[in-house]
Amino acid sequence: MDEAMVSAERWRGQVRVRGSIEQDRAAPARLIEYDHDPFETELYENFSDPQNRLVDRAERSYAGQYDRRLRRLRERARHAEVDE
């Protein structure tokens, strides 16, 4: 694989491993309820920003679509080898 493919695979792996921003929002929300620390409030506002949530959802969707595409291509190649 060339460097671009390795970099793309690494990025998709990181997207799959990290939790969604929706899940990450819950922790600062609980902390804010406990004590109103300004830093925690800023974190929660960052996680709640609609633009950040949209970008996170788009990244996760793109990574999943690409992985499904690679799986389909591998399946087609495997079936083509069997047919020969």
Protein backbone atom coordinates (compact mmCIF):
# COMPACT_ATOMS: atom_id res chain seq x y z
CA MET A 1 0.00 0.00 0.00
CA ASP A 2 1.13 3.52 -0.65
CA GLU A 3 1.34 6.23 1.99
CA ALA A 4 -2.07 7.73 1.18
CA MET A 5 -3.83 4.37 1.59
CA VAL A 6 -2.09 3.74 4.92
CA SER A 7 -3.02 7.21 6.16
CA ALA A 8 -6.65 6.76 5.09
CA GLU A 9 -6.87 3.37 6.78
CA ARG A 10 -5.39 4.81 9.98
CA TRP A 11 -7.91 7.69 9.93
CA ARG A 12 -10.86 5.32 9.41
CA GLY A 13 -9.59 3.16 12.26
CA GLN A 14 -9.45 6.16 14.57
CA VAL A 15 -12.98 7.20 13.61
CA ARG A 16 -14.29 3.69 14.33
CA VAL A 17 -12.51 3.45 17.70
CA ARG A 18 -13.49 6.80 19.16
CA GLY A 19 -16.92 7.26 20.62
CA SER A 20 -19.44 9.48 18.97
CA ILE A 21 -19.75 13.07 20.07
CA GLU A 22 -23.24 12.22 21.32
CA GLN A 23 -21.75 9.74 23.79
CA ASP A 24 -19.03 12.18 24.80
CA ARG A 25 -21.63 14.82 25.65
CA ALA A 26 -23.01 12.83 28.57
CA ALA A 27 -19.89 13.04 30.76
CA PRO A 28 -19.56 16.85 30.77
CA ALA A 29 -23.32 17.13 31.31
CA ARG A 30 -23.03 15.04 34.50
CA LEU A 31 -20.03 17.09 35.64
CA ILE A 32 -21.86 20.36 35.07
CA GLU A 33 -24.77 19.12 37.16
CA TYR A 34 -22.33 18.30 39.97
CA ASP A 35 -20.29 21.52 39.88
CA HIS A 36 -20.44 24.41 37.45
CA ASP A 37 -16.78 24.48 36.44
CA PRO A 38 -16.24 26.92 33.51
CA PHE A 39 -13.93 24.51 31.67
CA GLU A 40 -16.47 21.69 31.87
CA THR A 41 -19.19 24.06 30.68
CA GLU A 42 -17.02 25.02 27.71
CA LEU A 43 -16.44 21.35 26.88
CA TYR A 44 -20.16 20.65 27.00
CA GLU A 45 -20.89 23.63 24.76
CA ASN A 46 -18.28 22.38 22.29
CA PHE A 47 -19.84 18.90 22.24
CA SER A 48 -23.31 20.43 21.89
CA ASP A 49 -22.39 22.71 18.98
CA PRO A 50 -24.56 21.64 16.02
CA GLN A 51 -21.70 22.14 13.55
CA ASN A 52 -19.36 19.87 15.52
CA ARG A 53 -22.08 17.24 15.84
CA LEU A 54 -22.75 17.41 12.09
CA VAL A 55 -19.05 17.02 11.24
CA ASP A 56 -18.70 14.06 13.63
CA ARG A 57 -21.75 12.34 12.16
CA ALA A 58 -20.47 12.93 8.60
CA GLU A 59 -17.00 11.55 9.41
CA ARG A 60 -18.45 8.43 11.00
CA SER A 61 -20.83 7.92 8.10
CA TYR A 62 -18.10 8.33 5.48
CA ALA A 63 -15.78 5.91 7.25
CA GLY A 64 -18.55 3.32 7.53
CA GLN A 65 -19.59 3.69 3.88
CA TYR A 66 -16.01 3.30 2.71
CA ASP A 67 -15.48 0.20 4.86
CA ARG A 68 -18.66 -1.36 3.44
CA ARG A 69 -17.46 -0.56 -0.09
CA LEU A 70 -14.11 -2.25 0.55
CA ARG A 71 -15.90 -5.32 1.95
CA ARG A 72 -18.12 -5.55 -1.15
CA LEU A 73 -15.09 -5.24 -3.45
CA ARG A 74 -13.30 -8.02 -1.55
CA GLU A 75 -16.40 -10.23 -1.77
CA ARG A 76 -16.71 -9.62 -5.52
CA ALA A 77 -13.03 -10.42 -6.04
CA ARG A 78 -13.40 -13.61 -4.00
CA HIS A 79 -16.44 -14.70 -6.02
CA ALA A 80 -14.64 -13.91 -9.26
CA GLU A 81 -11.73 -16.16 -8.20
CA VAL A 82 -14.13 -19.00 -7.39
CA ASP A 83 -15.88 -18.69 -10.75
CA GLU A 84 -12.62 -19.00 -12.69
